[in-house]
Amino acid sequence: MKPSSNREPADAVSSRERLLSTAKRLMAESGYERVSTAAIAREAGTSESQLVRYFGSKAGLLESIFDESWAPLNPQIARLVAAAPTAREAMITVLSTMIGAFERDNVGKTDDARLGGCVIGDAVIPVQAAD
């Protein structure tokens, strides 16, 4: 479920933003799997029903975090792909741009190992460690 596209009252927008920022922080501290929707809502000063209203689920909330974190990069990628002479060049350009974004955000920092993921902007990407 995507966030409502209807105009929301200021306090509803504020609630949505609080849920997003709280989820980012809690997921960064404890990891996606370890943080509950109840904890996110409680810390954000709202209810789980508001989380469900705006995002549908915890997965929807994470998707919104990614969408908002990647939004500034999307137009740049679209321009680069449009300018690429071949599909292969487009793919190389997209991958190079994404790797650059990861590098700028210090994704490889292992002080975030407790996250079980990588960070893009303010978003945490949950990943499984190789055994």
Protein backbone atom coordinates (compact mmCIF):
# COMPACT_ATOMS: atom_id res chain seq x y z
CA MET A 1 0.00 0.00 0.00
CA LYS A 2 1.44 3.33 -1.04
CA PRO A 3 1.01 6.53 0.96
CA SER A 4 -2.18 8.40 0.31
CA SER A 5 -1.93 10.90 -2.53
CA ASN A 6 -4.83 12.97 -1.16
CA ARG A 7 -3.96 16.19 0.57
CA GLU A 8 -3.54 15.43 4.25
CA PRO A 9 -3.95 17.78 7.19
CA ALA A 10 -0.64 19.11 8.54
CA ASP A 11 -0.76 16.86 11.61
CA ALA A 12 -1.26 13.77 9.42
CA VAL A 13 1.75 14.68 7.28
CA SER A 14 3.69 15.23 10.47
CA SER A 15 2.65 11.79 11.71
CA ARG A 16 3.83 10.19 8.46
CA GLU A 17 7.17 12.00 8.65
CA ARG A 18 7.61 10.99 12.29
CA LEU A 19 6.97 7.37 11.36
CA LEU A 20 9.55 7.54 8.56
CA SER A 21 12.27 9.18 10.63
CA THR A 22 11.63 6.96 13.64
CA ALA A 23 11.71 3.81 11.52
CA LYS A 24 15.01 4.87 9.93
CA ARG A 25 16.56 5.43 13.34
CA LEU A 26 15.23 2.26 14.96
CA MET A 27 16.14 0.10 11.97
CA ALA A 28 19.64 1.59 11.99
CA GLU A 29 19.99 0.84 15.70
CA SER A 30 18.47 -2.63 15.81
CA GLY A 31 17.98 -3.88 12.25
CA TYR A 32 14.84 -4.34 10.21
CA GLU A 33 13.91 -7.74 11.62
CA ARG A 34 14.37 -6.73 15.24
CA VAL A 35 12.20 -3.63 15.30
CA SER A 36 8.44 -4.00 15.53
CA THR A 37 5.74 -1.80 14.06
CA ALA A 38 4.48 -1.25 17.61
CA ALA A 39 7.89 0.09 18.67
CA ILE A 40 8.09 2.35 15.62
CA ALA A 41 4.60 3.77 16.22
CA ARG A 42 5.17 4.20 19.97
CA GLU A 43 8.50 6.04 19.43
CA ALA A 44 6.88 8.20 16.73
CA GLY A 45 4.09 9.18 19.10
CA THR A 46 1.36 7.69 16.95
CA SER A 47 -0.43 4.37 16.49
CA GLU A 48 0.16 1.23 14.46
CA SER A 49 -3.07 1.98 12.62
CA GLN A 50 -1.45 5.17 11.30
CA LEU A 51 1.57 3.17 10.15
CA VAL A 52 -0.74 0.78 8.32
CA ARG A 53 -2.75 3.68 6.90
CA TYR A 54 0.29 5.34 5.38
CA PHE A 55 2.50 2.38 4.49
CA GLY A 56 0.39 -0.78 4.60
CA SER A 57 2.98 -2.76 6.55
CA LYS A 58 6.52 -2.68 7.85
CA ALA A 59 7.70 -3.74 4.38
CA GLY A 60 5.75 -0.84 2.88
CA LEU A 61 7.37 1.51 5.36
CA LEU A 62 10.82 0.26 4.36
CA GLU A 63 9.90 0.65 0.69
CA SER A 64 8.93 4.28 1.35
CA ILE A 65 12.24 4.87 3.13
CA PHE A 66 14.08 3.52 0.08
CA ASP A 67 11.90 5.46 -2.36
CA GLU A 68 12.57 8.73 -0.56
CA SER A 69 16.27 7.99 -0.13
CA TRP A 70 16.73 7.13 -3.82
CA ALA A 71 14.46 9.89 -5.17
CA PRO A 72 17.28 12.44 -5.64
CA LEU A 73 19.32 9.90 -7.62
CA ASN A 74 16.53 8.73 -9.95
CA PRO A 75 16.52 11.73 -12.36
CA GLN A 76 20.28 11.50 -12.74
CA ILE A 77 20.07 7.79 -13.55
CA ALA A 78 17.25 8.41 -16.04
CA ARG A 79 19.34 11.04 -17.87
CA LEU A 80 22.39 8.76 -17.97
CA VAL A 81 20.37 5.81 -19.29
CA ALA A 82 18.74 7.96 -21.97
CA ALA A 83 22.16 9.16 -23.12
CA ALA A 84 23.73 5.69 -23.21
CA PRO A 85 24.32 4.39 -26.76
CA THR A 86 23.62 0.73 -25.87
CA ALA A 87 21.80 -1.29 -23.23
CA ARG A 88 25.16 -2.55 -22.00
CA GLU A 89 26.44 1.01 -21.54
CA ALA A 90 23.20 1.96 -19.79
CA MET A 91 23.60 -0.91 -17.33
CA ILE A 92 27.25 -0.06 -16.65
CA THR A 93 26.28 3.57 -16.08
CA VAL A 94 23.48 2.64 -13.67
CA LEU A 95 25.71 0.28 -11.71
CA SER A 96 28.56 2.81 -11.57
CA THR A 97 26.19 5.49 -10.32
CA MET A 98 24.77 3.19 -7.64
CA ILE A 99 28.23 2.08 -6.52
CA GLY A 100 29.26 5.72 -6.30
CA ALA A 101 26.24 6.44 -4.10
CA PHE A 102 27.15 3.53 -1.83
CA GLU A 103 30.75 4.71 -1.59
CA ARG A 104 29.75 8.29 -0.76
CA ASP A 105 27.55 6.98 2.04
CA ASN A 106 30.32 4.75 3.45
CA VAL A 107 28.19 1.65 3.04
CA GLY A 108 31.03 -0.69 3.89
CA LYS A 109 31.51 0.66 7.40
CA THR A 110 31.45 -2.30 9.71
CA ASP A 111 30.52 -0.24 12.76
CA ASP A 112 27.05 -0.72 11.30
CA ALA A 113 27.49 -4.51 11.23
CA ARG A 114 24.81 -4.85 13.89
CA LEU A 115 22.35 -3.53 11.31
CA GLY A 116 22.52 -6.62 9.19
CA GLY A 117 22.48 -4.29 6.22
CA CYS A 118 23.83 -1.36 4.29
CA VAL A 119 22.96 2.31 4.45
CA ILE A 120 21.86 4.45 1.49
CA GLY A 121 21.34 8.01 2.58
CA ASP A 122 19.32 7.50 5.72
CA ALA A 123 17.89 4.14 4.66
CA VAL A 124 19.09 0.73 5.77
CA ILE A 125 19.17 -2.13 3.27
CA PRO A 126 18.78 -5.43 5.10
CA VAL A 127 21.18 -8.03 3.72
CA GLN A 128 22.15 -11.51 4.79
CA ALA A 129 25.79 -12.06 5.71
CA ALA A 130 27.59 -14.72 3.73
CA ASP A 131 28.33 -17.80 5.80
